[in-house]
Amino acid sequence: MSNAFEDDSREYLALCNDEEYYSLWPHGTAVPDGWRVVYGPDSRESVVGHIDRVWTDMRPKSLRHVQAEHEDVPA
């Protein structure tokens, strides 16, 4: 049985949740509650590249905001 998350022959989506975490998701598979499509459908390589470009800070959004309030650092 093949892994749907590693099949280069299918299309994928980039998902994002409220904490601005990203996920690679097989196109045609139901998007889980709490997640929204932010890119795709496109090739696995293209979607992974998009996620690599936009997800530059892996801290949750809520933590970034708390730290910014205490450190005067932009969220």
PDB file of N, CA and C in Angstrom:
ATOM      1  N   MET A   1       0.848  -1.179   0.000  1.00  0.00           N
ATOM      2  CA  MET A   1       0.000   0.000   0.000  1.00  0.00           C
ATOM      3  C   MET A   1       0.899   1.251   0.000  1.00  0.00           C
ATOM      4  N   SER A   2       0.598   2.188  -0.889  1.00  0.00           N
ATOM      5  CA  SER A   2       1.419   3.397  -0.990  1.00  0.00           C
ATOM      6  C   SER A   2       0.962   4.445   0.024  1.00  0.00           C
ATOM      7  N   ASN A   3       1.877   5.320   0.349  1.00  0.00           N
ATOM      8  CA  ASN A   3       1.605   6.408   1.288  1.00  0.00           C
ATOM      9  C   ASN A   3       1.109   7.611   0.493  1.00  0.00           C
ATOM     10  N   ALA A   4      -0.105   8.063   0.750  1.00  0.00           N
ATOM     11  CA  ALA A   4      -0.708   9.178   0.004  1.00  0.00           C
ATOM     12  C   ALA A   4       0.072  10.476   0.165  1.00  0.00           C
ATOM     13  N   PHE A   5       0.888  10.585   1.194  1.00  0.00           N
ATOM     14  CA  PHE A   5       1.646  11.806   1.440  1.00  0.00           C
ATOM     15  C   PHE A   5       3.001  11.801   0.732  1.00  0.00           C
ATOM     16  N   GLU A   6       3.342  10.700   0.094  1.00  0.00           N
ATOM     17  CA  GLU A   6       4.633  10.589  -0.576  1.00  0.00           C
ATOM     18  C   GLU A   6       4.500  10.141  -2.027  1.00  0.00           C
ATOM     19  N   ASP A   7       3.344  10.346  -2.611  1.00  0.00           N
ATOM     20  CA  ASP A   7       3.079   9.908  -3.976  1.00  0.00           C
ATOM     21  C   ASP A   7       3.265  11.084  -4.928  1.00  0.00           C
ATOM     22  N   ASP A   8       4.394  11.121  -5.629  1.00  0.00           N
ATOM     23  CA  ASP A   8       4.699  12.241  -6.517  1.00  0.00           C
ATOM     24  C   ASP A   8       3.772  12.316  -7.730  1.00  0.00           C
ATOM     25  N   SER A   9       2.970  11.304  -7.966  1.00  0.00           N
ATOM     26  CA  SER A   9       2.094  11.313  -9.139  1.00  0.00           C
ATOM     27  C   SER A   9       0.756  12.013  -8.873  1.00  0.00           C
ATOM     28  N   ARG A  10       0.472  12.389  -7.647  1.00  0.00           N
ATOM     29  CA  ARG A  10      -0.806  13.033  -7.359  1.00  0.00           C
ATOM     30  C   ARG A  10      -0.607  14.499  -7.014  1.00  0.00           C
ATOM     31  N   GLU A  11      -1.701  15.230  -6.912  1.00  0.00           N
ATOM     32  CA  GLU A  11      -1.639  16.649  -6.548  1.00  0.00           C
ATOM     33  C   GLU A  11      -1.858  16.802  -5.049  1.00  0.00           C
ATOM     34  N   TYR A  12      -1.329  17.927  -4.537  1.00  0.00           N
ATOM     35  CA  TYR A  12      -1.396  18.208  -3.106  1.00  0.00           C
ATOM     36  C   TYR A  12      -1.876  19.624  -2.860  1.00  0.00           C
ATOM     37  N   LEU A  13      -2.224  19.870  -1.606  1.00  0.00           N
ATOM     38  CA  LEU A  13      -2.604  21.182  -1.122  1.00  0.00           C
ATOM     39  C   LEU A  13      -1.670  21.565   0.014  1.00  0.00           C
ATOM     40  N   ALA A  14      -1.517  22.861   0.237  1.00  0.00           N
ATOM     41  CA  ALA A  14      -0.880  23.350   1.455  1.00  0.00           C
ATOM     42  C   ALA A  14      -2.015  23.832   2.350  1.00  0.00           C
ATOM     43  N   LEU A  15      -2.044  23.329   3.569  1.00  0.00           N
ATOM     44  CA  LEU A  15      -3.040  23.737   4.546  1.00  0.00           C
ATOM     45  C   LEU A  15      -2.378  24.590   5.610  1.00  0.00           C
ATOM     46  N   CYS A  16      -3.180  25.430   6.257  1.00  0.00           N
ATOM     47  CA  CYS A  16      -2.696  26.251   7.366  1.00  0.00           C
ATOM     48  C   CYS A  16      -3.789  26.274   8.427  1.00  0.00           C
ATOM     49  N   ASN A  17      -3.373  26.301   9.706  1.00  0.00           N
ATOM     50  CA  ASN A  17      -4.364  26.393  10.774  1.00  0.00           C
ATOM     51  C   ASN A  17      -4.265  27.755  11.465  1.00  0.00           C
ATOM     52  N   ASP A  18      -5.059  27.969  12.498  1.00  0.00           N
ATOM     53  CA  ASP A  18      -5.105  29.268  13.171  1.00  0.00           C
ATOM     54  C   ASP A  18      -3.790  29.645  13.850  1.00  0.00           C
ATOM     55  N   GLU A  19      -2.964  28.673  14.163  1.00  0.00           N
ATOM     56  CA  GLU A  19      -1.667  28.950  14.774  1.00  0.00           C
ATOM     57  C   GLU A  19      -0.581  29.140  13.714  1.00  0.00           C
ATOM     58  N   GLU A  20      -1.007  29.149  12.454  1.00  0.00           N
ATOM     59  CA  GLU A  20      -0.127  29.323  11.299  1.00  0.00           C
ATOM     60  C   GLU A  20       0.892  28.189  11.166  1.00  0.00           C
ATOM     61  N   TYR A  21       0.427  26.992  11.473  1.00  0.00           N
ATOM     62  CA  TYR A  21       1.177  25.777  11.164  1.00  0.00           C
ATOM     63  C   TYR A  21       0.733  25.336   9.778  1.00  0.00           C
ATOM     64  N   TYR A  22       1.634  24.746   9.029  1.00  0.00           N
ATOM     65  CA  TYR A  22       1.352  24.313   7.664  1.00  0.00           C
ATOM     66  C   TYR A  22       1.418  22.801   7.558  1.00  0.00           C
ATOM     67  N   SER A  23       0.698  22.286   6.569  1.00  0.00           N
ATOM     68  CA  SER A  23       0.688  20.849   6.332  1.00  0.00           C
ATOM     69  C   SER A  23       0.537  20.572   4.846  1.00  0.00           C
ATOM     70  N   LEU A  24       1.238  19.567   4.374  1.00  0.00           N
ATOM     71  CA  LEU A  24       1.070  19.031   3.030  1.00  0.00           C
ATOM     72  C   LEU A  24      -0.127  18.091   3.099  1.00  0.00           C
ATOM     73  N   TRP A  25      -1.061  18.215   2.140  1.00  0.00           N
ATOM     74  CA  TRP A  25      -2.277  17.413   2.211  1.00  0.00           C
ATOM     75  C   TRP A  25      -2.658  16.903   0.820  1.00  0.00           C
ATOM     76  N   PRO A  26      -2.982  15.628   0.687  1.00  0.00           N
ATOM     77  CA  PRO A  26      -3.366  15.090  -0.611  1.00  0.00           C
ATOM     78  C   PRO A  26      -4.661  15.738  -1.124  1.00  0.00           C
ATOM     79  N   HIS A  27      -4.634  16.232  -2.354  1.00  0.00           N
ATOM     80  CA  HIS A  27      -5.822  16.805  -2.971  1.00  0.00           C
ATOM     81  C   HIS A  27      -6.864  15.709  -3.143  1.00  0.00           C
ATOM     82  N   GLY A  28      -8.107  16.046  -2.863  1.00  0.00           N
ATOM     83  CA  GLY A  28      -9.175  15.062  -2.968  1.00  0.00           C
ATOM     84  C   GLY A  28      -9.471  14.365  -1.657  1.00  0.00           C
ATOM     85  N   THR A  29      -8.673  14.635  -0.641  1.00  0.00           N
ATOM     86  CA  THR A  29      -8.905  14.103   0.701  1.00  0.00           C
ATOM     87  C   THR A  29      -9.526  15.219   1.528  1.00  0.00           C
ATOM     88  N   ALA A  30     -10.529  14.917   2.321  1.00  0.00           N
ATOM     89  CA  ALA A  30     -11.219  15.935   3.105  1.00  0.00           C
ATOM     90  C   ALA A  30     -10.234  16.714   3.979  1.00  0.00           C
ATOM     91  N   VAL A  31     -10.383  18.036   3.958  1.00  0.00           N
ATOM     92  CA  VAL A  31      -9.540  18.911   4.784  1.00  0.00           C
ATOM     93  C   VAL A  31     -10.046  18.820   6.227  1.00  0.00           C
ATOM     94  N   PRO A  32      -9.155  18.551   7.184  1.00  0.00           N
ATOM     95  CA  PRO A  32      -9.583  18.412   8.583  1.00  0.00           C
ATOM     96  C   PRO A  32     -10.123  19.728   9.145  1.00  0.00           C
ATOM     97  N   ASP A  33     -11.026  19.622  10.095  1.00  0.00           N
ATOM     98  CA  ASP A  33     -11.533  20.803  10.791  1.00  0.00           C
ATOM     99  C   ASP A  33     -10.378  21.592  11.378  1.00  0.00           C
ATOM    100  N   GLY A  34     -10.482  22.909  11.296  1.00  0.00           N
ATOM    101  CA  GLY A  34      -9.457  23.777  11.856  1.00  0.00           C
ATOM    102  C   GLY A  34      -8.347  24.119  10.869  1.00  0.00           C
ATOM    103  N   TRP A  35      -8.405  23.564   9.681  1.00  0.00           N
ATOM    104  CA  TRP A  35      -7.398  23.814   8.655  1.00  0.00           C
ATOM    105  C   TRP A  35      -8.065  24.434   7.444  1.00  0.00           C
ATOM    106  N   ARG A  36      -7.321  25.241   6.693  1.00  0.00           N
ATOM    107  CA  ARG A  36      -7.839  25.841   5.464  1.00  0.00           C
ATOM    108  C   ARG A  36      -6.787  25.693   4.371  1.00  0.00           C
ATOM    109  N   VAL A  37      -7.257  25.635   3.134  1.00  0.00           N
ATOM    110  CA  VAL A  37      -6.363  25.527   1.987  1.00  0.00           C
ATOM    111  C   VAL A  37      -5.766  26.907   1.708  1.00  0.00           C
ATOM    112  N   VAL A  38      -4.429  26.985   1.603  1.00  0.00           N
ATOM    113  CA  VAL A  38      -3.761  28.251   1.308  1.00  0.00           C
ATOM    114  C   VAL A  38      -2.953  28.198   0.007  1.00  0.00           C
ATOM    115  N   TYR A  39      -2.847  26.995  -0.581  1.00  0.00           N
ATOM    116  CA  TYR A  39      -2.103  26.860  -1.832  1.00  0.00           C
ATOM    117  C   TYR A  39      -2.475  25.535  -2.477  1.00  0.00           C
ATOM    118  N   GLY A  40      -2.533  25.542  -3.795  1.00  0.00           N
ATOM    119  CA  GLY A  40      -2.762  24.318  -4.532  1.00  0.00           C
ATOM    120  C   GLY A  40      -4.189  24.231  -5.027  1.00  0.00           C
ATOM    121  N   PRO A  41      -4.488  23.163  -5.718  1.00  0.00           N
ATOM    122  CA  PRO A  41      -3.676  21.955  -5.874  1.00  0.00           C
ATOM    123  C   PRO A  41      -2.524  22.158  -6.852  1.00  0.00           C
ATOM    124  N   ASP A  42      -1.450  21.438  -6.572  1.00  0.00           N
ATOM    125  CA  ASP A  42      -0.260  21.486  -7.413  1.00  0.00           C
ATOM    126  C   ASP A  42       0.565  20.240  -7.121  1.00  0.00           C
ATOM    127  N   SER A  43       1.697  20.129  -7.791  1.00  0.00           N
ATOM    128  CA  SER A  43       2.568  18.974  -7.576  1.00  0.00           C
ATOM    129  C   SER A  43       3.092  18.971  -6.141  1.00  0.00           C
ATOM    130  N   ARG A  44       3.482  17.806  -5.682  1.00  0.00           N
ATOM    131  CA  ARG A  44       4.039  17.685  -4.325  1.00  0.00           C
ATOM    132  C   ARG A  44       5.240  18.613  -4.178  1.00  0.00           C
ATOM    133  N   GLU A  45       6.115  18.615  -5.172  1.00  0.00           N
ATOM    134  CA  GLU A  45       7.318  19.443  -5.125  1.00  0.00           C
ATOM    135  C   GLU A  45       6.960  20.928  -5.005  1.00  0.00           C
ATOM    136  N   SER A  46       5.995  21.377  -5.767  1.00  0.00           N
ATOM    137  CA  SER A  46       5.588  22.780  -5.733  1.00  0.00           C
ATOM    138  C   SER A  46       4.971  23.157  -4.391  1.00  0.00           C
ATOM    139  N   VAL A  47       4.132  22.284  -3.848  1.00  0.00           N
ATOM    140  CA  VAL A  47       3.479  22.579  -2.566  1.00  0.00           C
ATOM    141  C   VAL A  47       4.504  22.579  -1.433  1.00  0.00           C
ATOM    142  N   VAL A  48       5.412  21.621  -1.429  1.00  0.00           N
ATOM    143  CA  VAL A  48       6.467  21.601  -0.402  1.00  0.00           C
ATOM    144  C   VAL A  48       7.329  22.855  -0.531  1.00  0.00           C
ATOM    145  N   GLY A  49       7.646  23.272  -1.750  1.00  0.00           N
ATOM    146  CA  GLY A  49       8.416  24.503  -1.957  1.00  0.00           C
ATOM    147  C   GLY A  49       7.687  25.721  -1.420  1.00  0.00           C
ATOM    148  N   HIS A  50       6.378  25.774  -1.651  1.00  0.00           N
ATOM    149  CA  HIS A  50       5.583  26.894  -1.119  1.00  0.00           C
ATOM    150  C   HIS A  50       5.655  26.922   0.404  1.00  0.00           C
ATOM    151  N   ILE A  51       5.444  25.778   1.028  1.00  0.00           N
ATOM    152  CA  ILE A  51       5.492  25.712   2.494  1.00  0.00           C
ATOM    153  C   ILE A  51       6.871  26.130   3.000  1.00  0.00           C
ATOM    154  N   ASP A  52       7.922  25.680   2.347  1.00  0.00           N
ATOM    155  CA  ASP A  52       9.286  26.056   2.746  1.00  0.00           C
ATOM    156  C   ASP A  52       9.501  27.568   2.660  1.00  0.00           C
ATOM    157  N   ARG A  53       8.909  28.208   1.648  1.00  0.00           N
ATOM    158  CA  ARG A  53       9.081  29.659   1.479  1.00  0.00           C
ATOM    159  C   ARG A  53       8.301  30.471   2.500  1.00  0.00           C
ATOM    160  N   VAL A  54       7.101  30.032   2.844  1.00  0.00           N
ATOM    161  CA  VAL A  54       6.243  30.866   3.698  1.00  0.00           C
ATOM    162  C   VAL A  54       6.312  30.529   5.188  1.00  0.00           C
ATOM    163  N   TRP A  55       6.687  29.306   5.521  1.00  0.00           N
ATOM    164  CA  TRP A  55       6.711  28.912   6.935  1.00  0.00           C
ATOM    165  C   TRP A  55       8.133  29.055   7.456  1.00  0.00           C
ATOM    166  N   THR A  56       8.501  30.286   7.751  1.00  0.00           N
ATOM    167  CA  THR A  56       9.876  30.584   8.146  1.00  0.00           C
ATOM    168  C   THR A  56      10.063  30.622   9.659  1.00  0.00           C
ATOM    169  N   ASP A  57       8.981  30.652  10.396  1.00  0.00           N
ATOM    170  CA  ASP A  57       9.044  30.675  11.864  1.00  0.00           C
ATOM    171  C   ASP A  57       8.068  29.626  12.370  1.00  0.00           C
ATOM    172  N   MET A  58       8.594  28.555  12.924  1.00  0.00           N
ATOM    173  CA  MET A  58       7.737  27.441  13.321  1.00  0.00           C
ATOM    174  C   MET A  58       7.097  27.612  14.697  1.00  0.00           C
ATOM    175  N   ARG A  59       7.360  28.730  15.341  1.00  0.00           N
ATOM    176  CA  ARG A  59       6.666  28.962  16.609  1.00  0.00           C
ATOM    177  C   ARG A  59       5.180  29.202  16.325  1.00  0.00           C
ATOM    178  N   PRO A  60       4.285  28.724  17.201  1.00  0.00           N
ATOM    179  CA  PRO A  60       2.871  29.004  17.005  1.00  0.00           C
ATOM    180  C   PRO A  60       2.607  30.516  17.023  1.00  0.00           C
ATOM    181  N   LYS A  61       1.606  30.945  16.282  1.00  0.00           N
ATOM    182  CA  LYS A  61       1.252  32.361  16.201  1.00  0.00           C
ATOM    183  C   LYS A  61       1.033  32.964  17.594  1.00  0.00           C
ATOM    184  N   SER A  62       0.336  32.249  18.459  1.00  0.00           N
ATOM    185  CA  SER A  62       0.053  32.768  19.794  1.00  0.00           C
ATOM    186  C   SER A  62       1.347  33.004  20.587  1.00  0.00           C
ATOM    187  N   LEU A  63       2.323  32.123  20.461  1.00  0.00           N
ATOM    188  CA  LEU A  63       3.596  32.293  21.157  1.00  0.00           C
ATOM    189  C   LEU A  63       4.358  33.483  20.587  1.00  0.00           C
ATOM    190  N   ARG A  64       4.368  33.635  19.272  1.00  0.00           N
ATOM    191  CA  ARG A  64       5.050  34.775  18.660  1.00  0.00           C
ATOM    192  C   ARG A  64       4.486  36.088  19.181  1.00  0.00           C
ATOM    193  N   HIS A  65       3.165  36.162  19.323  1.00  0.00           N
ATOM    194  CA  HIS A  65       2.539  37.395  19.805  1.00  0.00           C
ATOM    195  C   HIS A  65       2.878  37.665  21.270  1.00  0.00           C
ATOM    196  N   VAL A  66       2.867  36.644  22.096  1.00  0.00           N
ATOM    197  CA  VAL A  66       3.223  36.813  23.509  1.00  0.00           C
ATOM    198  C   VAL A  66       4.673  37.255  23.636  1.00  0.00           C
ATOM    199  N   GLN A  67       5.556  36.611  22.902  1.00  0.00           N
ATOM    200  CA  GLN A  67       6.973  36.975  22.955  1.00  0.00           C
ATOM    201  C   GLN A  67       7.187  38.393  22.430  1.00  0.00           C
ATOM    202  N   ALA A  68       6.476  38.774  21.396  1.00  0.00           N
ATOM    203  CA  ALA A  68       6.615  40.127  20.840  1.00  0.00           C
ATOM    204  C   ALA A  68       6.175  41.179  21.853  1.00  0.00           C
ATOM    205  N   GLU A  69       5.132  40.889  22.602  1.00  0.00           N
ATOM    206  CA  GLU A  69       4.669  41.832  23.626  1.00  0.00           C
ATOM    207  C   GLU A  69       5.705  42.028  24.716  1.00  0.00           C
ATOM    208  N   HIS A  70       6.460  40.997  25.031  1.00  0.00           N
ATOM    209  CA  HIS A  70       7.429  41.050  26.115  1.00  0.00           C
ATOM    210  C   HIS A  70       8.816  41.468  25.657  1.00  0.00           C
ATOM    211  N   GLU A  71       9.076  41.400  24.355  1.00  0.00           N
ATOM    212  CA  GLU A  71      10.410  41.684  23.860  1.00  0.00           C
ATOM    213  C   GLU A  71      10.448  42.817  22.870  1.00  0.00           C
ATOM    214  N   ASP A  72       9.309  43.427  22.582  1.00  0.00           N
ATOM    215  CA  ASP A  72       9.218  44.458  21.560  1.00  0.00           C
ATOM    216  C   ASP A  72       9.809  43.978  20.230  1.00  0.00           C
ATOM    217  N   VAL A  73       9.496  42.720  19.895  1.00  0.00           N
ATOM    218  CA  VAL A  73       9.940  42.109  18.647  1.00  0.00           C
ATOM    219  C   VAL A  73       8.708  41.904  17.780  1.00  0.00           C
ATOM    220  N   PRO A  74       8.784  42.247  16.508  1.00  0.00           N
ATOM    221  CA  PRO A  74       7.610  42.031  15.650  1.00  0.00           C
ATOM    222  C   PRO A  74       7.186  40.583  15.608  1.00  0.00           C
ATOM    223  N   ALA A  75       5.854  40.349  15.604  1.00  0.00           N
ATOM    224  CA  ALA A  75       5.327  38.979  15.565  1.00  0.00           C
ATOM    225  C   ALA A  75       5.468  38.459  14.207  1.00  0.00           C
TER     226      ALA A  75
END
